[in-house]
Amino acid sequence: MKIGIIGAGQLGRMLALAGYPLALRFQFLDASADSPGGQVGPIVTGAFDDPASLSKLAADVDLVTYEFENVPVGALHAVAKSRTCLPPVEALRVSQDRLLEKQLFTRLGIPTPPFRAVDSLAGLRGAVAALGLPCVLKTRRLGYDGKGQHYLRKPTDVSSAWRALGGVPLLLEGFVRFDREVSIIGARSTRGETRAYPVVENTHRDGILRVTRAPHRGAALQKSAERHLRRLLDHFDYAGILTIEFFVQRGRLVANEMAPRVHNSGHWTIEGAATSQFENHLRAILGLPLGDTRPVGRCAMVNFIGAMPDRNQVLALPGVHFHDYGKAPRPGRKVGHCTIVAASATERDRLLRRVLRLLPR
């Protein structure tokens, strides 16, 4: 069985690494021949919406998946005419538009921040009057790692926000004064089998995930998150890994966004769960039995942003696993991560503090 992966970033690379023990082979499509996936499989070099490149990928594989949200939906529809493409293209289409995503959440009874579509400066002023300040103006499409967002804290911010982001369809969201940020990752197979990983707590800075701690304690939150997750999985007749990111506000989950793919907040599962999210994604899209999602300890994940720490110093810490994506250093770029697996939350957090001190300043 050979799987085509649209995108050859670190997520695609980790999918292939998880699949080789299952006797799977992989081929990627990416604009760059130097992407991390090239370390573990051949890359068809071309644009994601280039018909010739897509046809070349599809012609040589049995099934197609993708590793990031910004794949053109039209391109996937074209691929799906000749090859099964999972997760479902409809899930990708909805996730690419923040308005469609929030509208679906609302229809399924998944709580969200208050929101308004915005297409003009006058419309923005009206939406701000309706939602109140502070609030967040976001592009409806192509926002990732904090990009395409502008915070409005006072009336004079309205014009500057419009100048920064206007000209494309926008969404205004009420600001959520949250206690913490969490996410849940679930898998659903083509046979309808469903499993969920434990809710995890995430720490962001500058819009980029920095640290994940797993599992997050709280049976009520876990039950609520799994209920919301299953509504989405069933709605799309989903196959693969699906992630929902939430704000926790006074003990209540408020959905921020979903990602129809393997997710950064699930990297801890590589060493920290009985079955990683990457292996379960492959099992799910192939209709294989899903693997156990239980954690094997108290875990954490630390993203390496911009530059790698000293490998020897990180590896000297017990229970710490080092992942280098082979990317050139660049400010704001995810170049690697480490996972921590410990017997207790106290020991995990002690190791986490030591790792954080090793990060380049």
Protein backbone atom coordinates (compact mmCIF):
# COMPACT_ATOMS: atom_id res chain seq x y z
CA MET A 1 0.00 0.00 0.00
CA LYS A 2 1.38 3.39 -1.03
CA ILE A 3 -0.02 6.61 0.41
CA GLY A 4 0.28 10.04 -1.18
CA ILE A 5 0.64 12.96 1.22
CA ILE A 6 -0.07 16.48 0.04
CA GLY A 7 2.49 18.54 1.92
CA ALA A 8 5.96 17.34 2.93
CA GLY A 9 6.43 19.31 6.13
CA GLN A 10 7.25 17.82 9.50
CA LEU A 11 3.71 16.43 9.91
CA GLY A 12 4.01 14.50 6.67
CA ARG A 13 7.44 13.28 7.71
CA MET A 14 6.06 12.00 11.02
CA LEU A 15 3.17 10.28 9.25
CA ALA A 16 5.63 8.36 7.10
CA LEU A 17 7.80 7.45 10.09
CA ALA A 18 4.70 6.04 11.81
CA GLY A 19 3.65 4.13 8.71
CA TYR A 20 6.82 2.29 7.81
CA PRO A 21 6.41 -0.30 10.60
CA LEU A 22 2.99 -1.06 9.05
CA ALA A 23 4.68 -1.86 5.71
CA LEU A 24 3.28 1.32 4.15
CA ARG A 25 5.12 3.39 1.54
CA PHE A 26 4.80 7.11 0.94
CA GLN A 27 5.14 9.78 -1.70
CA PHE A 28 4.73 13.51 -1.13
CA LEU A 29 3.66 16.55 -3.12
CA ASP A 30 5.32 19.79 -2.08
CA ALA A 31 6.54 23.02 -3.63
CA SER A 32 10.03 22.44 -2.19
CA ALA A 33 12.27 19.44 -2.72
CA ASP A 34 14.04 20.33 0.55
CA SER A 35 10.98 19.84 2.79
CA PRO A 36 11.31 17.44 5.76
CA GLY A 37 9.28 14.71 4.05
CA GLY A 38 12.09 14.32 1.53
CA GLN A 39 14.16 12.70 4.27
CA VAL A 40 11.82 9.70 4.32
CA GLY A 41 10.17 9.51 0.90
CA PRO A 42 10.21 10.87 -2.67
CA ILE A 43 8.67 14.28 -3.34
CA VAL A 44 6.74 15.27 -6.44
CA THR A 45 7.78 18.90 -6.71
CA GLY A 46 5.04 21.26 -7.74
CA ALA A 47 2.30 23.63 -6.61
CA PHE A 48 -0.57 22.14 -4.62
CA ASP A 49 -3.06 23.25 -7.27
CA ASP A 50 -0.99 22.22 -10.28
CA PRO A 51 -3.02 19.59 -12.20
CA ALA A 52 0.06 17.87 -13.64
CA SER A 53 1.72 17.52 -10.23
CA LEU A 54 -1.47 16.28 -8.62
CA SER A 55 -2.00 13.76 -11.39
CA LYS A 56 1.58 12.53 -11.00
CA LEU A 57 1.08 12.04 -7.27
CA ALA A 58 -2.27 10.29 -7.63
CA ALA A 59 -1.12 8.01 -10.44
CA ASP A 60 1.51 6.36 -8.25
CA VAL A 61 -0.38 5.88 -4.95
CA ASP A 62 -3.37 3.95 -3.62
CA LEU A 63 -4.82 6.65 -1.35
CA VAL A 64 -4.25 10.36 -0.74
CA THR A 65 -4.20 12.34 2.52
CA TYR A 66 -2.92 15.79 3.47
CA GLU A 67 -0.93 17.32 6.29
CA PHE A 68 -2.13 20.94 6.44
CA GLU A 69 -5.33 22.92 5.97
CA ASN A 70 -4.43 25.27 3.14
CA VAL A 71 -4.57 22.70 0.35
CA PRO A 72 -6.87 24.07 -2.39
CA VAL A 73 -10.20 22.28 -2.13
CA GLY A 74 -10.57 22.22 -5.91
CA ALA A 75 -7.29 20.35 -6.14
CA LEU A 76 -8.51 17.68 -3.74
CA HIS A 77 -11.78 17.31 -5.63
CA ALA A 78 -9.74 16.66 -8.76
CA VAL A 79 -7.62 14.04 -6.96
CA ALA A 80 -10.73 12.42 -5.46
CA LYS A 81 -12.01 11.58 -8.96
CA SER A 82 -9.31 8.93 -9.30
CA ARG A 83 -8.16 8.17 -5.75
CA THR A 84 -9.78 8.00 -2.32
CA CYS A 85 -8.86 11.21 -0.47
CA LEU A 86 -9.18 11.33 3.32
CA PRO A 87 -10.03 13.11 5.60
CA PRO A 88 -13.17 14.17 3.68
CA VAL A 89 -12.74 17.18 1.44
CA GLU A 90 -15.85 18.77 2.97
CA ALA A 91 -14.17 18.88 6.39
CA LEU A 92 -11.22 20.68 4.82
CA ARG A 93 -13.50 23.15 3.02
CA VAL A 94 -15.27 24.12 6.24
CA SER A 95 -12.07 24.38 8.25
CA GLN A 96 -10.58 26.78 5.70
CA ASP A 97 -13.24 29.42 6.34
CA ARG A 98 -13.64 30.65 9.91
CA LEU A 99 -17.21 31.77 9.26
CA LEU A 100 -18.31 28.39 7.88
CA GLU A 101 -16.52 26.71 10.77
CA LYS A 102 -18.25 28.80 13.44
CA GLN A 103 -21.62 28.40 11.74
CA LEU A 104 -21.21 24.62 11.75
CA PHE A 105 -20.17 24.61 15.40
CA THR A 106 -23.31 26.58 16.22
CA ARG A 107 -25.56 24.19 14.27
CA LEU A 108 -24.06 21.22 16.10
CA GLY A 109 -24.49 22.81 19.52
CA ILE A 110 -20.76 23.41 20.07
CA PRO A 111 -20.27 26.69 21.98
CA THR A 112 -18.22 29.41 20.24
CA PRO A 113 -17.33 33.05 20.93
CA PRO A 114 -19.94 35.48 19.57
CA PHE A 115 -19.08 36.33 15.94
CA ARG A 116 -20.07 38.46 12.98
CA ALA A 117 -19.07 38.33 9.31
CA VAL A 118 -17.39 41.56 8.15
CA ASP A 119 -17.00 42.77 4.56
CA SER A 120 -16.64 46.55 4.92
CA LEU A 121 -15.42 49.22 7.32
CA ALA A 122 -19.02 50.16 8.07
CA GLY A 123 -19.80 46.51 8.69
CA LEU A 124 -16.83 46.28 11.05
CA ARG A 125 -18.05 49.28 13.03
CA GLY A 126 -21.50 47.71 13.29
CA ALA A 127 -20.04 44.37 14.40
CA VAL A 128 -17.91 46.06 17.05
CA ALA A 129 -20.98 47.89 18.34
CA ALA A 130 -22.84 44.55 18.53
CA LEU A 131 -20.09 42.49 20.17
CA GLY A 132 -18.36 45.17 22.21
CA LEU A 133 -14.67 45.66 22.98
CA PRO A 134 -12.26 43.98 23.26
CA CYS A 135 -12.68 41.72 20.22
CA VAL A 136 -10.56 40.05 17.56
CA LEU A 137 -10.71 40.67 13.81
CA LYS A 138 -9.60 37.68 11.74
CA THR A 139 -9.31 36.86 8.08
CA ARG A 140 -11.81 34.16 7.23
CA ARG A 141 -9.18 32.22 5.31
CA LEU A 142 -5.45 31.42 5.44
CA GLY A 143 -4.81 32.33 9.07
CA TYR A 144 -2.35 30.07 10.92
CA ASP A 145 -0.02 30.40 13.92
CA GLY A 146 -1.50 33.77 14.83
CA LYS A 147 -1.35 35.25 11.31
CA GLY A 148 -4.27 37.19 9.88
CA GLN A 149 -5.49 38.50 13.24
CA HIS A 150 -5.81 41.95 14.76
CA TYR A 151 -6.92 42.73 18.32
CA LEU A 152 -9.29 45.65 18.92
CA ARG A 153 -9.12 47.02 22.44
CA LYS A 154 -10.33 50.61 21.98
CA PRO A 155 -12.51 52.45 19.43
CA THR A 156 -9.51 53.95 17.64
CA ASP A 157 -8.31 50.42 16.80
CA VAL A 158 -11.17 49.88 14.34
CA SER A 159 -9.70 51.87 11.46
CA SER A 160 -6.19 50.51 11.93
CA ALA A 161 -7.51 46.93 12.03
CA TRP A 162 -9.41 47.53 8.80
CA ARG A 163 -6.29 48.99 7.16
CA ALA A 164 -4.27 45.95 8.27
CA LEU A 165 -6.71 43.24 7.17
CA GLY A 166 -9.41 44.84 5.01
CA GLY A 167 -9.92 43.83 1.41
CA VAL A 168 -10.64 40.16 2.13
CA PRO A 169 -13.62 38.51 3.87
CA LEU A 170 -13.26 38.89 7.63
CA LEU A 171 -14.75 37.60 10.86
CA LEU A 172 -15.06 39.54 14.09
CA GLU A 173 -15.11 37.48 17.29
CA GLY A 174 -15.86 38.53 20.81
CA PHE A 175 -12.82 38.29 23.06
CA VAL A 176 -12.89 35.26 25.37
CA ARG A 177 -11.40 35.87 28.80
CA PHE A 178 -10.25 32.30 29.18
CA ASP A 179 -8.61 30.45 32.02
CA ARG A 180 -6.57 28.20 29.75
CA GLU A 181 -6.40 26.78 26.24
CA VAL A 182 -6.94 23.07 25.61
CA SER A 183 -7.42 20.75 22.68
CA ILE A 184 -8.73 17.28 21.99
CA ILE A 185 -7.64 14.94 19.22
CA GLY A 186 -9.80 12.09 18.01
CA ALA A 187 -9.65 9.42 15.35
CA ARG A 188 -12.50 7.91 13.36
CA SER A 189 -11.93 5.08 10.90
CA THR A 190 -13.63 4.33 7.61
CA ARG A 191 -15.45 1.58 9.52
CA GLY A 192 -16.89 4.11 12.00
CA GLU A 193 -14.70 3.14 14.97
CA THR A 194 -13.90 6.19 17.11
CA ARG A 195 -11.29 6.88 19.76
CA ALA A 196 -10.31 10.07 21.59
CA TYR A 197 -7.06 11.11 23.20
CA PRO A 198 -7.12 12.89 26.55
CA VAL A 199 -7.67 16.64 26.60
CA VAL A 200 -4.36 18.50 26.78
CA GLU A 201 -3.44 21.98 27.96
CA ASN A 202 -1.63 24.28 25.53
CA THR A 203 0.47 27.40 26.03
CA HIS A 204 0.86 29.81 23.11
CA ARG A 205 3.06 32.83 22.58
CA ASP A 206 2.87 35.16 19.59
CA GLY A 207 0.15 32.91 18.20
CA ILE A 208 2.43 29.83 18.11
CA LEU A 209 2.06 26.76 20.30
CA ARG A 210 4.99 26.54 22.69
CA VAL A 211 4.12 23.85 25.26
CA THR A 212 1.54 21.07 25.58
CA ARG A 213 0.90 19.22 28.84
CA ALA A 214 -0.93 15.89 28.81
CA PRO A 215 -3.29 14.75 30.09
CA HIS A 216 -5.29 17.69 31.42
CA ARG A 217 -7.14 16.68 34.55
CA GLY A 218 -10.90 17.04 34.59
CA ALA A 219 -13.43 14.32 33.81
CA ALA A 220 -16.18 16.82 33.03
CA LEU A 221 -14.06 18.66 30.46
CA GLN A 222 -13.03 15.37 28.86
CA LYS A 223 -16.65 14.23 28.56
CA SER A 224 -17.73 17.55 27.08
CA ALA A 225 -14.82 17.69 24.61
CA GLU A 226 -15.47 14.12 23.44
CA ARG A 227 -19.16 14.92 22.91
CA HIS A 228 -18.29 17.92 20.70
CA LEU A 229 -15.65 15.90 18.85
CA ARG A 230 -18.03 13.05 18.04
CA ARG A 231 -20.64 15.45 16.69
CA LEU A 232 -18.11 16.72 14.15
CA LEU A 233 -16.77 13.26 13.31
CA ASP A 234 -20.27 11.93 12.68
CA HIS A 235 -21.38 15.03 10.76
CA PHE A 236 -18.59 14.62 8.19
CA ASP A 237 -18.65 10.79 8.19
CA TYR A 238 -15.03 11.44 8.99
CA ALA A 239 -11.96 9.23 8.58
CA GLY A 240 -8.61 10.26 10.03
CA ILE A 241 -7.44 12.49 12.86
CA LEU A 242 -9.50 15.56 13.79
CA THR A 243 -8.48 18.21 16.34
CA ILE A 244 -10.58 20.82 18.11
CA GLU A 245 -8.96 23.69 20.00
CA PHE A 246 -10.96 25.20 22.87
CA PHE A 247 -10.82 28.02 25.37
CA VAL A 248 -11.78 27.05 28.92
CA GLN A 249 -13.90 29.81 30.41
CA ARG A 250 -15.10 29.28 33.98
CA GLY A 251 -15.09 25.51 33.53
CA ARG A 252 -16.88 25.64 30.16
CA LEU A 253 -15.45 24.77 26.75
CA VAL A 254 -15.65 27.41 24.00
CA ALA A 255 -14.53 26.16 20.57
CA ASN A 256 -11.89 28.20 18.80
CA GLU A 257 -11.18 26.14 15.68
CA MET A 258 -10.82 22.66 14.25
CA ALA A 259 -8.05 21.07 12.20
CA PRO A 260 -8.83 18.09 9.92
CA ARG A 261 -5.35 16.59 10.20
CA VAL A 262 -2.67 15.46 12.63
CA HIS A 263 -1.90 18.35 14.96
CA ASN A 264 0.99 20.00 16.77
CA SER A 265 -0.72 19.56 20.14
CA GLY A 266 -0.64 15.79 19.56
CA HIS A 267 3.11 15.42 19.13
CA TRP A 268 3.34 14.16 22.72
CA THR A 269 1.57 10.98 21.58
CA ILE A 270 4.65 9.75 19.67
CA GLU A 271 6.30 8.60 22.88
CA GLY A 272 3.58 9.45 25.38
CA ALA A 273 0.58 7.41 24.19
CA ALA A 274 0.07 3.73 23.50
CA THR A 275 -0.56 4.65 19.84
CA SER A 276 0.55 7.94 18.30
CA GLN A 277 -1.84 10.26 16.49
CA PHE A 278 0.19 9.66 13.33
CA GLU A 279 -0.25 5.90 13.42
CA ASN A 280 -3.94 6.24 14.26
CA HIS A 281 -4.45 8.62 11.33
CA LEU A 282 -3.06 5.97 9.00
CA ARG A 283 -5.04 3.18 10.66
CA ALA A 284 -8.20 5.29 10.35
CA ILE A 285 -7.92 6.15 6.66
CA LEU A 286 -7.04 2.54 5.82
CA GLY A 287 -9.91 1.05 7.83
CA LEU A 288 -7.58 -0.77 10.22
CA PRO A 289 -8.47 -1.24 13.90
CA LEU A 290 -7.65 1.91 15.83
CA GLY A 291 -4.92 1.81 18.46
CA ASP A 292 -5.18 2.50 22.18
CA THR A 293 -5.11 6.26 22.91
CA ARG A 294 -4.28 6.09 26.62
CA PRO A 295 -1.24 8.03 27.88
CA VAL A 296 1.66 5.97 29.20
CA GLY A 297 2.65 8.61 31.75
CA ARG A 298 2.49 12.32 32.44
CA CYS A 299 3.68 13.98 29.27
CA ALA A 300 4.68 17.28 27.74
CA MET A 301 5.74 18.60 24.36
CA VAL A 302 7.99 21.61 23.79
CA ASN A 303 8.19 23.20 20.35
CA PHE A 304 11.60 24.39 19.22
CA ILE A 305 10.92 27.72 17.53
CA GLY A 306 13.48 29.51 15.38
CA ALA A 307 16.52 27.44 16.37
CA MET A 308 17.37 24.09 17.91
CA PRO A 309 18.71 23.72 21.46
CA ASP A 310 21.87 21.73 22.14
CA ARG A 311 21.02 18.12 21.39
CA ASN A 312 23.40 16.64 23.96
CA GLN A 313 21.96 18.72 26.78
CA VAL A 314 18.37 17.78 25.94
CA LEU A 315 19.14 14.08 25.54
CA ALA A 316 20.92 14.05 28.90
CA LEU A 317 17.55 14.55 30.61
CA PRO A 318 15.75 11.31 31.54
CA GLY A 319 12.49 10.63 29.73
CA VAL A 320 13.07 13.38 27.15
CA HIS A 321 12.91 12.55 23.42
CA PHE A 322 14.44 14.80 20.76
CA HIS A 323 12.95 15.50 17.30
CA ASP A 324 14.87 17.55 14.73
CA TYR A 325 12.94 18.29 11.51
CA GLY A 326 16.08 19.10 9.53
CA LYS A 327 14.92 22.65 8.80
CA ALA A 328 17.15 25.69 8.50
CA PRO A 329 16.80 28.03 11.51
CA ARG A 330 14.55 31.04 11.01
CA PRO A 331 12.68 33.30 13.46
CA GLY A 332 9.19 31.98 14.19
CA ARG A 333 9.77 28.68 12.37
CA LYS A 334 8.99 25.31 13.97
CA VAL A 335 12.29 23.48 13.57
CA GLY A 336 11.79 20.62 16.03
CA HIS A 337 10.30 19.54 19.32
CA CYS A 338 10.90 17.33 22.29
CA THR A 339 8.53 15.15 24.25
CA ILE A 340 8.74 14.41 27.96
CA VAL A 341 7.34 11.27 29.55
CA ALA A 342 7.42 10.97 33.34
CA ALA A 343 5.76 8.92 36.07
CA SER A 344 4.14 11.94 37.74
CA ALA A 345 3.02 15.46 36.88
CA THR A 346 5.55 16.82 39.39
CA GLU A 347 8.45 15.06 37.67
CA ARG A 348 7.16 16.05 34.22
CA ASP A 349 6.98 19.70 35.18
CA ARG A 350 10.45 19.59 36.71
CA LEU A 351 11.86 18.21 33.47
CA LEU A 352 9.82 20.72 31.48
CA ARG A 353 11.40 23.62 33.36
CA ARG A 354 14.86 22.21 32.65
CA VAL A 355 14.10 21.89 28.94
CA LEU A 356 12.76 25.43 28.75
CA ARG A 357 16.01 26.75 30.25
CA LEU A 358 17.92 25.08 27.40
CA LEU A 359 16.03 26.85 24.62
CA PRO A 360 17.99 29.48 22.64
CA ARG A 361 17.15 33.02 23.69
